[in-house]
C-alpha atoms as a PDB file:
ATOM      1  CA  MET A   1     131.983  87.841  99.145  1.00  0.00           C
ATOM      2  CA  ALA A   2     128.822  86.076  97.959  1.00  0.00           C
ATOM      3  CA  GLU A   3     127.952  86.033  94.264  1.00  0.00           C
ATOM      4  CA  HIS A   4     125.184  88.410  93.253  1.00  0.00           C
ATOM      5  CA  ASP A   5     124.457  90.654  90.283  1.00  0.00           C
ATOM      6  CA  ASN A   6     127.438  92.828  91.108  1.00  0.00           C
ATOM      7  CA  ILE A   7     128.198  95.872  88.992  1.00  0.00           C
ATOM      8  CA  LEU A   8     131.304  96.800  91.046  1.00  0.00           C
ATOM      9  CA  GLU A   9     133.734  94.337  92.625  1.00  0.00           C
ATOM     10  CA  VAL A  10     136.583  95.662  94.766  1.00  0.00           C
ATOM     11  CA  ARG A  11     139.179  93.123  95.875  1.00  0.00           C
ATOM     12  CA  ASN A  12     142.072  93.703  98.311  1.00  0.00           C
ATOM     13  CA  LEU A  13     142.271  97.386  97.378  1.00  0.00           C
ATOM     14  CA  CYS A  14     145.212  99.298  98.859  1.00  0.00           C
ATOM     15  CA  GLN A  15     146.025 102.976  98.535  1.00  0.00           C
ATOM     16  CA  HIS A  16     149.225 103.978 100.290  1.00  0.00           C
ATOM     17  CA  PHE A  17     150.765 107.452 100.301  1.00  0.00           C
ATOM     18  CA  THR A  18     154.398 108.243 101.071  1.00  0.00           C
ATOM     19  CA  THR A  19     155.199 111.409 102.995  1.00  0.00           C
ATOM     20  CA  GLY A  20     158.403 113.055 104.185  1.00  0.00           C
ATOM     21  CA  ARG A  21     161.999 112.482 103.145  1.00  0.00           C
ATOM     22  CA  GLY A  22     165.017 110.577 104.402  1.00  0.00           C
ATOM     23  CA  ARG A  23     164.588 109.255 107.927  1.00  0.00           C
ATOM     24  CA  HIS A  24     161.297 111.129 108.211  1.00  0.00           C
ATOM     25  CA  ARG A  25     159.854 109.208 105.260  1.00  0.00           C
ATOM     26  CA  MET A  26     156.748 107.225 106.167  1.00  0.00           C
ATOM     27  CA  THR A  27     153.916 105.364 104.466  1.00  0.00           C
ATOM     28  CA  VAL A  28     150.287 106.185 105.231  1.00  0.00           C
ATOM     29  CA  LYS A  29     147.916 103.295 104.549  1.00  0.00           C
ATOM     30  CA  ALA A  30     144.811 105.305 103.636  1.00  0.00           C
ATOM     31  CA  VAL A  31     143.068 102.216 102.244  1.00  0.00           C
ATOM     32  CA  ASP A  32     144.391  98.856 103.385  1.00  0.00           C
ATOM     33  CA  ASP A  33     143.179  95.567 101.857  1.00  0.00           C
ATOM     34  CA  VAL A  34     139.545  96.578 101.358  1.00  0.00           C
ATOM     35  CA  SER A  35     137.092  94.275  99.561  1.00  0.00           C
ATOM     36  CA  PHE A  36     133.392  94.770  98.872  1.00  0.00           C
ATOM     37  CA  ASP A  37     130.767  94.502  96.124  1.00  0.00           C
ATOM     38  CA  VAL A  38     128.135  96.937  94.921  1.00  0.00           C
ATOM     39  CA  ARG A  39     125.097  95.394  93.267  1.00  0.00           C
ATOM     40  CA  ARG A  40     123.352  96.717  90.227  1.00  0.00           C
ATOM     41  CA  ALA A  41     120.748  99.446  90.941  1.00  0.00           C
ATOM     42  CA  GLU A  42     121.415  99.525  94.691  1.00  0.00           C
ATOM     43  CA  THR A  43     122.719 102.256  96.972  1.00  0.00           C
ATOM     44  CA  PHE A  44     125.783 101.134  98.909  1.00  0.00           C
ATOM     45  CA  GLY A  45     126.647 103.393 101.837  1.00  0.00           C
ATOM     46  CA  LEU A  46     130.287 103.742 102.849  1.00  0.00           C
ATOM     47  CA  VAL A  47     130.585 105.228 106.337  1.00  0.00           C
ATOM     48  CA  GLY A  48     133.173 105.976 108.993  1.00  0.00           C
ATOM     49  CA  GLU A  49     134.716 108.877 110.850  1.00  0.00           C
ATOM     50  CA  SER A  50     136.797 111.543 109.111  1.00  0.00           C
ATOM     51  CA  GLY A  51     140.111 110.192 107.865  1.00  0.00           C
ATOM     52  CA  CYS A  52     139.033 106.542 107.738  1.00  0.00           C
ATOM     53  CA  GLY A  53     139.708 106.249 103.994  1.00  0.00           C
ATOM     54  CA  LYS A  54     136.189 106.251 102.551  1.00  0.00           C
ATOM     55  CA  THR A  55     136.745 109.239 100.219  1.00  0.00           C
ATOM     56  CA  THR A  56     140.113 107.815  99.137  1.00  0.00           C
ATOM     57  CA  THR A  57     138.360 104.537  98.323  1.00  0.00           C
ATOM     58  CA  GLY A  58     135.877 106.324  96.044  1.00  0.00           C
ATOM     59  CA  ARG A  59     138.601 108.370  94.350  1.00  0.00           C
ATOM     60  CA  THR A  60     140.728 105.269  93.799  1.00  0.00           C
ATOM     61  CA  ILE A  61     137.821 103.401  92.217  1.00  0.00           C
ATOM     62  CA  ILE A  62     137.254 106.199  89.695  1.00  0.00           C
ATOM     63  CA  ARG A  63     141.037 106.474  89.163  1.00  0.00           C
ATOM     64  CA  LEU A  64     141.608 109.958  90.510  1.00  0.00           C
ATOM     65  CA  TYR A  65     144.304 107.991  92.368  1.00  0.00           C
ATOM     66  CA  ASP A  66     146.113 104.985  90.919  1.00  0.00           C
ATOM     67  CA  PRO A  67     145.706 102.069  93.359  1.00  0.00           C
ATOM     68  CA  THR A  68     148.816 100.790  95.120  1.00  0.00           C
ATOM     69  CA  SER A  69     147.540  97.228  94.759  1.00  0.00           C
ATOM     70  CA  GLY A  70     144.331  95.226  94.440  1.00  0.00           C
ATOM     71  CA  THR A  71     141.770  95.036  91.669  1.00  0.00           C
ATOM     72  CA  VAL A  72     138.564  96.839  90.758  1.00  0.00           C
ATOM     73  CA  HIS A  73     136.109  95.399  88.232  1.00  0.00           C
ATOM     74  CA  PHE A  74     133.122  97.303  86.877  1.00  0.00           C
ATOM     75  CA  GLY A  75     130.522  95.592  84.696  1.00  0.00           C
ATOM     76  CA  GLY A  76     132.797  92.563  84.450  1.00  0.00           C
ATOM     77  CA  ARG A  77     135.777  94.578  83.139  1.00  0.00           C
ATOM     78  CA  GLU A  78     138.867  95.507  85.113  1.00  0.00           C
ATOM     79  CA  ILE A  79     139.288  99.258  85.594  1.00  0.00           C
ATOM     80  CA  SER A  80     142.368  99.013  87.824  1.00  0.00           C
ATOM     81  CA  GLY A  81     145.868  98.243  86.547  1.00  0.00           C
ATOM     82  CA  PRO A  82     147.714 100.180  83.806  1.00  0.00           C
ATOM     83  CA  MET A  83     145.532 102.897  82.314  1.00  0.00           C
ATOM     84  CA  THR A  84     144.824 102.746  78.574  1.00  0.00           C
ATOM     85  CA  ALA A  85     142.774 105.065  76.362  1.00  0.00           C
ATOM     86  CA  GLU A  86     140.100 102.356  75.995  1.00  0.00           C
ATOM     87  CA  LYS A  87     139.936 101.786  79.750  1.00  0.00           C
ATOM     88  CA  ARG A  88     139.758 105.535  80.408  1.00  0.00           C
ATOM     89  CA  ARG A  89     136.869 105.896  77.947  1.00  0.00           C
ATOM     90  CA  TYR A  90     135.002 102.947  79.475  1.00  0.00           C
ATOM     91  CA  LEU A  91     135.492 104.378  82.955  1.00  0.00           C
ATOM     92  CA  THR A  92     134.361 107.922  82.125  1.00  0.00           C
ATOM     93  CA  ASP A  93     131.382 106.654  80.120  1.00  0.00           C
ATOM     94  CA  ASN A  94     130.047 104.552  82.978  1.00  0.00           C
ATOM     95  CA  ILE A  95     131.052 106.114  86.314  1.00  0.00           C
ATOM     96  CA  ALA A  96     130.655 109.743  87.410  1.00  0.00           C
ATOM     97  CA  MET A  97     131.401 111.487  90.688  1.00  0.00           C
ATOM     98  CA  ILE A  98     129.549 114.079  92.751  1.00  0.00           C
ATOM     99  CA  PHE A  99     131.997 115.958  94.956  1.00  0.00           C
ATOM    100  CA  GLN A 100     131.576 117.078  98.543  1.00  0.00           C
ATOM    101  CA  ASP A 101     132.155 120.813  98.094  1.00  0.00           C
ATOM    102  CA  PRO A 102     129.592 122.332  95.682  1.00  0.00           C
ATOM    103  CA  ILE A 103     131.624 125.553  95.521  1.00  0.00           C
ATOM    104  CA  GLU A 104     135.158 124.320  94.865  1.00  0.00           C
ATOM    105  CA  SER A 105     134.051 121.632  92.389  1.00  0.00           C
ATOM    106  CA  LEU A 106     132.528 124.118  89.894  1.00  0.00           C
ATOM    107  CA  ASN A 107     134.639 126.314  87.602  1.00  0.00           C
ATOM    108  CA  PRO A 108     133.693 129.936  88.473  1.00  0.00           C
ATOM    109  CA  ARG A 109     134.556 131.137  84.943  1.00  0.00           C
ATOM    110  CA  MET A 110     132.140 128.806  83.173  1.00  0.00           C
ATOM    111  CA  THR A 111     128.383 129.211  82.822  1.00  0.00           C
ATOM    112  CA  ILE A 112     126.123 126.469  84.139  1.00  0.00           C
ATOM    113  CA  GLU A 113     125.418 125.319  80.581  1.00  0.00           C
ATOM    114  CA  GLU A 114     129.143 125.005  79.893  1.00  0.00           C
ATOM    115  CA  ILE A 115     129.730 123.127  83.157  1.00  0.00           C
ATOM    116  CA  VAL A 116     126.888 120.651  82.680  1.00  0.00           C
ATOM    117  CA  GLY A 117     127.549 120.171  78.963  1.00  0.00           C
ATOM    118  CA  GLU A 118     131.283 119.564  79.319  1.00  0.00           C
ATOM    119  CA  GLY A 119     130.880 115.781  79.528  1.00  0.00           C
ATOM    120  CA  LEU A 120     128.884 115.717  76.300  1.00  0.00           C
ATOM    121  CA  ARG A 121     131.451 117.852  74.486  1.00  0.00           C
ATOM    122  CA  MET A 122     134.200 115.481  75.586  1.00  0.00           C
ATOM    123  CA  ARG A 123     132.186 112.639  74.047  1.00  0.00           C
ATOM    124  CA  GLY A 124     132.006 114.367  70.689  1.00  0.00           C
ATOM    125  CA  VAL A 125     128.603 116.093  70.764  1.00  0.00           C
ATOM    126  CA  LYS A 126     129.308 119.149  68.582  1.00  0.00           C
ATOM    127  CA  ASP A 127     125.835 120.222  67.498  1.00  0.00           C
ATOM    128  CA  LYS A 128     125.089 123.284  69.657  1.00  0.00           C
ATOM    129  CA  ASN A 129     121.317 122.849  69.475  1.00  0.00           C
ATOM    130  CA  GLU A 130     121.507 119.217  70.562  1.00  0.00           C
ATOM    131  CA  LEU A 131     123.967 120.112  73.323  1.00  0.00           C
ATOM    132  CA  HIS A 132     121.685 122.873  74.578  1.00  0.00           C
ATOM    133  CA  ARG A 133     118.632 120.601  74.456  1.00  0.00           C
ATOM    134  CA  GLN A 134     120.260 117.867  76.539  1.00  0.00           C
ATOM    135  CA  VAL A 135     121.651 120.337  79.080  1.00  0.00           C
ATOM    136  CA  ILE A 136     118.257 122.028  79.580  1.00  0.00           C
ATOM    137  CA  GLU A 137     116.547 118.645  79.884  1.00  0.00           C
ATOM    138  CA  MET A 138     118.993 117.634  82.616  1.00  0.00           C
ATOM    139  CA  LEU A 139     118.642 120.961  84.455  1.00  0.00           C
ATOM    140  CA  TYR A 140     114.889 120.404  84.666  1.00  0.00           C
ATOM    141  CA  LYS A 141     115.496 116.853  85.982  1.00  0.00           C
ATOM    142  CA  VAL A 142     117.506 118.225  88.913  1.00  0.00           C
ATOM    143  CA  GLY A 143     115.033 120.977  89.751  1.00  0.00           C
ATOM    144  CA  LEU A 144     116.581 123.912  87.874  1.00  0.00           C
ATOM    145  CA  THR A 145     115.247 125.814  84.863  1.00  0.00           C
ATOM    146  CA  GLU A 146     116.431 127.035  81.467  1.00  0.00           C
ATOM    147  CA  GLU A 147     117.089 130.536  82.774  1.00  0.00           C
ATOM    148  CA  HIS A 148     119.746 129.110  85.117  1.00  0.00           C
ATOM    149  CA  ALA A 149     121.840 127.912  82.160  1.00  0.00           C
ATOM    150  CA  THR A 150     123.402 131.321  81.446  1.00  0.00           C
ATOM    151  CA  ARG A 151     124.340 132.077  85.052  1.00  0.00           C
ATOM    152  CA  TYR A 152     127.614 131.468  86.889  1.00  0.00           C
ATOM    153  CA  PRO A 153     128.190 129.335  90.023  1.00  0.00           C
ATOM    154  CA  HIS A 154     128.562 132.332  92.369  1.00  0.00           C
ATOM    155  CA  GLU A 155     124.948 133.304  91.625  1.00  0.00           C
ATOM    156  CA  PHE A 156     123.606 130.103  93.226  1.00  0.00           C
ATOM    157  CA  SER A 157     123.007 128.846  96.749  1.00  0.00           C
ATOM    158  CA  GLY A 158     124.846 125.799  98.085  1.00  0.00           C
ATOM    159  CA  GLY A 159     121.911 123.499  97.370  1.00  0.00           C
ATOM    160  CA  GLN A 160     121.550 124.806  93.822  1.00  0.00           C
ATOM    161  CA  ARG A 161     125.274 124.361  93.200  1.00  0.00           C
ATOM    162  CA  GLN A 162     125.033 120.754  94.315  1.00  0.00           C
ATOM    163  CA  ARG A 163     122.131 120.259  91.892  1.00  0.00           C
ATOM    164  CA  VAL A 164     124.425 121.576  89.160  1.00  0.00           C
ATOM    165  CA  GLY A 165     127.067 119.056  90.271  1.00  0.00           C
ATOM    166  CA  ILE A 166     124.479 116.266  90.066  1.00  0.00           C
ATOM    167  CA  ALA A 167     123.388 117.441  86.600  1.00  0.00           C
ATOM    168  CA  ARG A 168     127.023 117.477  85.440  1.00  0.00           C
ATOM    169  CA  ALA A 169     127.470 113.886  86.628  1.00  0.00           C
ATOM    170  CA  MET A 170     124.155 112.661  85.205  1.00  0.00           C
ATOM    171  CA  ILE A 171     124.426 114.257  81.737  1.00  0.00           C
ATOM    172  CA  ILE A 172     126.560 111.359  80.462  1.00  0.00           C
ATOM    173  CA  ARG A 173     123.916 108.843  81.635  1.00  0.00           C
ATOM    174  CA  PRO A 174     126.385 106.820  83.766  1.00  0.00           C
ATOM    175  CA  GLN A 175     125.602 103.413  85.200  1.00  0.00           C
ATOM    176  CA  MET A 176     127.033 104.342  88.602  1.00  0.00           C
ATOM    177  CA  ILE A 177     127.464 107.515  90.633  1.00  0.00           C
ATOM    178  CA  ILE A 178     130.066 107.906  93.386  1.00  0.00           C
ATOM    179  CA  ALA A 179     128.559 110.519  95.703  1.00  0.00           C
ATOM    180  CA  ASP A 180     131.278 111.791  98.055  1.00  0.00           C
ATOM    181  CA  GLU A 181     129.466 113.332 101.045  1.00  0.00           C
ATOM    182  CA  PRO A 182     127.190 115.295  98.673  1.00  0.00           C
ATOM    183  CA  VAL A 183     125.067 116.825 101.450  1.00  0.00           C
ATOM    184  CA  SER A 184     127.565 117.411 104.284  1.00  0.00           C
ATOM    185  CA  ALA A 185     128.106 121.088 103.329  1.00  0.00           C
ATOM    186  CA  LEU A 186     124.365 121.833 103.088  1.00  0.00           C
ATOM    187  CA  ASP A 187     121.664 122.909 105.534  1.00  0.00           C
ATOM    188  CA  VAL A 188     119.523 120.090 106.927  1.00  0.00           C
ATOM    189  CA  SER A 189     116.410 121.084 104.929  1.00  0.00           C
ATOM    190  CA  ILE A 190     118.451 121.222 101.718  1.00  0.00           C
ATOM    191  CA  GLN A 191     120.059 117.872 102.520  1.00  0.00           C
ATOM    192  CA  ALA A 192     116.638 116.217 102.375  1.00  0.00           C
ATOM    193  CA  GLN A 193     115.915 117.804  98.979  1.00  0.00           C
ATOM    194  CA  VAL A 194     119.197 116.576  97.486  1.00  0.00           C
ATOM    195  CA  ILE A 195     118.755 113.064  98.928  1.00  0.00           C
ATOM    196  CA  ASN A 196     115.222 112.863  97.521  1.00  0.00           C
ATOM    197  CA  LEU A 197     116.527 114.082  94.153  1.00  0.00           C
ATOM    198  CA  LEU A 198     119.160 111.327  94.078  1.00  0.00           C
ATOM    199  CA  ASN A 199     116.487 108.772  95.016  1.00  0.00           C
ATOM    200  CA  ASP A 200     114.242 109.970  92.181  1.00  0.00           C
ATOM    201  CA  LEU A 201     117.086 109.854  89.638  1.00  0.00           C
ATOM    202  CA  LYS A 202     118.054 106.391  90.839  1.00  0.00           C
ATOM    203  CA  ALA A 203     114.502 105.107  90.318  1.00  0.00           C
ATOM    204  CA  GLU A 204     114.061 106.856  86.962  1.00  0.00           C
ATOM    205  CA  MET A 205     117.424 105.959  85.418  1.00  0.00           C
ATOM    206  CA  GLY A 206     118.258 102.653  87.125  1.00  0.00           C
ATOM    207  CA  LEU A 207     121.306 104.157  88.798  1.00  0.00           C
ATOM    208  CA  THR A 208     123.748 102.425  91.107  1.00  0.00           C
ATOM    209  CA  ILE A 209     125.067 104.727  93.843  1.00  0.00           C
ATOM    210  CA  LEU A 210     128.143 104.457  96.049  1.00  0.00           C
ATOM    211  CA  PHE A 211     127.159 106.897  98.792  1.00  0.00           C
ATOM    212  CA  ILE A 212     130.067 108.086 100.954  1.00  0.00           C
ATOM    213  CA  ALA A 213     129.062 109.822 104.185  1.00  0.00           C
ATOM    214  CA  HIS A 214     129.663 110.174 107.911  1.00  0.00           C
ATOM    215  CA  ASN A 215     126.062 111.110 108.798  1.00  0.00           C
ATOM    216  CA  LEU A 216     124.714 107.747 109.907  1.00  0.00           C
ATOM    217  CA  SER A 217     121.095 108.887 109.978  1.00  0.00           C
ATOM    218  CA  VAL A 218     121.239 109.913 106.311  1.00  0.00           C
ATOM    219  CA  VAL A 219     122.961 106.672 105.330  1.00  0.00           C
ATOM    220  CA  LYS A 220     120.327 104.579 107.115  1.00  0.00           C
ATOM    221  CA  TYR A 221     117.533 106.291 105.194  1.00  0.00           C
ATOM    222  CA  PHE A 222     119.256 106.222 101.825  1.00  0.00           C
ATOM    223  CA  SER A 223     121.239 102.961 101.597  1.00  0.00           C
ATOM    224  CA  ASP A 224     120.329  99.360 100.803  1.00  0.00           C
ATOM    225  CA  ARG A 225     123.580  98.007 102.227  1.00  0.00           C
ATOM    226  CA  ILE A 226     126.318  99.664 104.285  1.00  0.00           C
ATOM    227  CA  GLY A 227     130.065  99.181 104.673  1.00  0.00           C
ATOM    228  CA  VAL A 228     131.762 100.538 107.819  1.00  0.00           C
ATOM    229  CA  MET A 229     135.417 101.655 107.540  1.00  0.00           C
ATOM    230  CA  TYR A 230     137.961 102.323 110.274  1.00  0.00           C
ATOM    231  CA  TYR A 231     141.552 103.458 109.665  1.00  0.00           C
ATOM    232  CA  GLY A 232     141.648 102.195 106.093  1.00  0.00           C
ATOM    233  CA  LYS A 233     140.012  98.827 106.717  1.00  0.00           C
ATOM    234  CA  MET A 234     136.476  97.547 106.231  1.00  0.00           C
ATOM    235  CA  MET A 235     135.043  96.483 109.590  1.00  0.00           C
ATOM    236  CA  GLU A 236     131.514  95.360 108.715  1.00  0.00           C
ATOM    237  CA  VAL A 237     129.235  95.055 105.679  1.00  0.00           C
ATOM    238  CA  ALA A 238     125.524  94.338 106.015  1.00  0.00           C
ATOM    239  CA  ARG A 239     122.050  95.254 104.858  1.00  0.00           C
ATOM    240  CA  SER A 240     121.043  98.609 106.277  1.00  0.00           C
ATOM    241  CA  GLU A 241     118.313  97.262 108.549  1.00  0.00           C
ATOM    242  CA  ASP A 242     120.582  94.475 109.867  1.00  0.00           C
ATOM    243  CA  LEU A 243     123.482  96.822 110.603  1.00  0.00           C
ATOM    244  CA  TYR A 244     121.344  99.177 112.682  1.00  0.00           C
ATOM    245  CA  ALA A 245     119.339  96.421 114.396  1.00  0.00           C
ATOM    246  CA  LYS A 246     122.297  94.180 115.347  1.00  0.00           C
ATOM    247  CA  PRO A 247     125.737  95.710 114.804  1.00  0.00           C
ATOM    248  CA  LEU A 248     128.328  92.982 115.391  1.00  0.00           C
ATOM    249  CA  HIS A 249     131.696  94.727 115.246  1.00  0.00           C
ATOM    250  CA  PRO A 250     132.559  96.811 118.348  1.00  0.00           C
ATOM    251  CA  TYR A 251     133.504  99.811 116.204  1.00  0.00           C
ATOM    252  CA  THR A 252     130.101  99.729 114.469  1.00  0.00           C
ATOM    253  CA  ARG A 253     128.402  99.666 117.867  1.00  0.00           C
ATOM    254  CA  ALA A 254     130.494 102.635 119.005  1.00  0.00           C
ATOM    255  CA  LEU A 255     129.690 104.528 115.808  1.00  0.00           C
ATOM    256  CA  LEU A 256     125.942 103.929 116.128  1.00  0.00           C
ATOM    257  CA  SER A 257     125.964 104.917 119.792  1.00  0.00           C
ATOM    258  CA  ALA A 258     127.183 108.372 118.733  1.00  0.00           C
ATOM    259  CA  ILE A 259     123.950 109.117 116.844  1.00  0.00           C
ATOM    260  CA  PRO A 260     122.112 111.730 118.955  1.00  0.00           C
ATOM    261  CA  GLU A 261     118.575 111.030 120.114  1.00  0.00           C
ATOM    262  CA  PRO A 262     115.866 113.660 119.531  1.00  0.00           C
ATOM    263  CA  ASN A 263     114.693 113.476 123.139  1.00  0.00           C
ATOM    264  CA  PRO A 264     116.975 115.737 125.271  1.00  0.00           C
ATOM    265  CA  ILE A 265     116.110 113.888 128.483  1.00  0.00           C
ATOM    266  CA  THR A 266     117.125 110.424 127.263  1.00  0.00           C
ATOM    267  CA  GLU A 267     120.042 111.920 125.308  1.00  0.00           C
ATOM    268  CA  ARG A 268     121.481 113.453 128.483  1.00  0.00           C
ATOM    269  CA  HIS A 269     121.613 110.114 130.307  1.00  0.00           C
ATOM    270  CA  ARG A 270     122.367 107.838 127.366  1.00  0.00           C
ATOM    271  CA  LYS A 271     125.605 105.861 127.654  1.00  0.00           C
ATOM    272  CA  ARG A 272     127.877 105.945 124.625  1.00  0.00           C
ATOM    273  CA  ILE A 273     130.152 103.092 123.624  1.00  0.00           C
ATOM    274  CA  ASP A 274     133.825 103.756 123.039  1.00  0.00           C
ATOM    275  CA  TYR A 275     136.080 101.687 120.779  1.00  0.00           C
ATOM    276  CA  VAL A 276     139.692 100.989 121.738  1.00  0.00           C
ATOM    277  CA  PRO A 277     141.246  98.392 119.372  1.00  0.00           C
ATOM    278  CA  GLU A 278     144.056  97.521 121.803  1.00  0.00           C
ATOM    279  CA  ARG A 279     141.492  96.753 124.485  1.00  0.00           C
ATOM    280  CA  ASP A 280     138.753  95.180 122.345  1.00  0.00           C
ATOM    281  CA  HIS A 281     140.926  92.822 120.261  1.00  0.00           C
ATOM    282  CA  ASP A 282     143.922  90.540 120.727  1.00  0.00           C
ATOM    283  CA  TYR A 283     145.364  89.882 117.292  1.00  0.00           C
ATOM    284  CA  SER A 284     148.847  88.882 118.542  1.00  0.00           C
ATOM    285  CA  VAL A 285     148.120  85.184 117.882  1.00  0.00           C
ATOM    286  CA  GLU A 286     144.958  85.012 115.765  1.00  0.00           C
ATOM    287  CA  LYS A 287     144.796  87.195 112.685  1.00  0.00           C
ATOM    288  CA  PRO A 288     141.484  88.776 111.649  1.00  0.00           C
ATOM    289  CA  SER A 289     139.793  88.472 108.267  1.00  0.00           C
ATOM    290  CA  MET A 290     136.466  89.407 106.682  1.00  0.00           C
ATOM    291  CA  VAL A 291     133.989  86.601 107.399  1.00  0.00           C
ATOM    292  CA  GLU A 292     130.335  86.103 106.459  1.00  0.00           C
ATOM    293  CA  VAL A 293     128.807  85.471 109.883  1.00  0.00           C
ATOM    294  CA  GLU A 294     125.262  85.152 108.544  1.00  0.00           C
ATOM    295  CA  PRO A 295     123.751  85.574 105.069  1.00  0.00           C
ATOM    296  CA  ASP A 296     124.893  88.906 103.576  1.00  0.00           C
ATOM    297  CA  HIS A 297     126.489  90.084 106.835  1.00  0.00           C
ATOM    298  CA  PHE A 298     130.296  90.303 106.921  1.00  0.00           C
ATOM    299  CA  VAL A 299     132.482  91.163 109.919  1.00  0.00           C
ATOM    300  CA  TYR A 300     136.243  91.704 110.272  1.00  0.00           C
ATOM    301  CA  CYS A 301     137.153  89.350 113.119  1.00  0.00           C
ATOM    302  CA  SER A 302     139.498  86.634 114.377  1.00  0.00           C
ATOM    303  CA  PRO A 303     138.460  82.946 114.694  1.00  0.00           C
ATOM    304  CA  SER A 304     137.759  83.283 118.446  1.00  0.00           C
ATOM    305  CA  GLU A 305     135.738  86.476 117.871  1.00  0.00           C
ATOM    306  CA  LEU A 306     133.812  84.660 115.133  1.00  0.00           C
ATOM    307  CA  ARG A 307     132.870  81.889 117.573  1.00  0.00           C
ATOM    308  CA  GLU A 308     131.645  84.479 120.079  1.00  0.00           C
ATOM    309  CA  ILE A 309     129.614  86.299 117.414  1.00  0.00           C
ATOM    310  CA  ARG A 310     127.954  83.071 116.284  1.00  0.00           C
ATOM    311  CA  ARG A 311     127.200  82.201 119.899  1.00  0.00           C
ATOM    312  CA  GLN A 312     125.484  85.583 120.322  1.00  0.00           C
ATOM    313  CA  LEU A 313     123.498  85.079 117.133  1.00  0.00           C
ATOM    314  CA  GLY A 314     122.360  81.682 118.400  1.00  0.00           C
END
């Protein structure tokens, strides 16, 4: 990967899970040798179909899972490897996560003030007045009010619950947010509100966002650069406008062809592209690797595929 002002550097990350017992024991490679960078104050979109490993990648970065192998550096410091108290503190001070389900991710027995203020209490803020002040300030930032602080999660709509989840993540003033499909469980009109809120917070607080999603239209609008995953591997990484204008990996082309068009007439006759790895690649002799085919555009391909891509690019 090219050198830039990277805040997050992921190298050869693997996350393997073992299932079954005895002769039924098998290893699932949820994330398999993934490398990418996220630059300071950018939004990096991580996309792919369900089960491709994008959520597992985010959870491994923040150490909800211990990586099987590979390294993760944040702000120049390694956050993978054996966990220490110092490393845990550095990680929780600088990276926060917004979860996909705004219902399951909130404790139903805690008030909104307790939920949002939990991160501050864990960092030693004991003064109740100061705690209350910071919580109320953050609630207003995410579009809620002081009267919401004494309520419980079941009293809120899905969009409001997700705002609470954003407030909980933002209260510690992290450098980076990992947003795991934060709008997929919401109505379309509410999705736009939450996306705009994240954009506003990013601009106001200089946030870096790793945005995990399968809605390609949302990712195009929201992301500076995009990484495309398929079955645990990174297939393509490019600037958002480049990826949508000239997708180079056949899986990326298939994924983009699945985006519905608003015109029902053209949508009815539009031809979609399918992706069959056994048909589209021959890796029996040449092995693929991640290659920079043009500035800031990386593709997972073999040497012969690379020559064909460069021929197409002229």
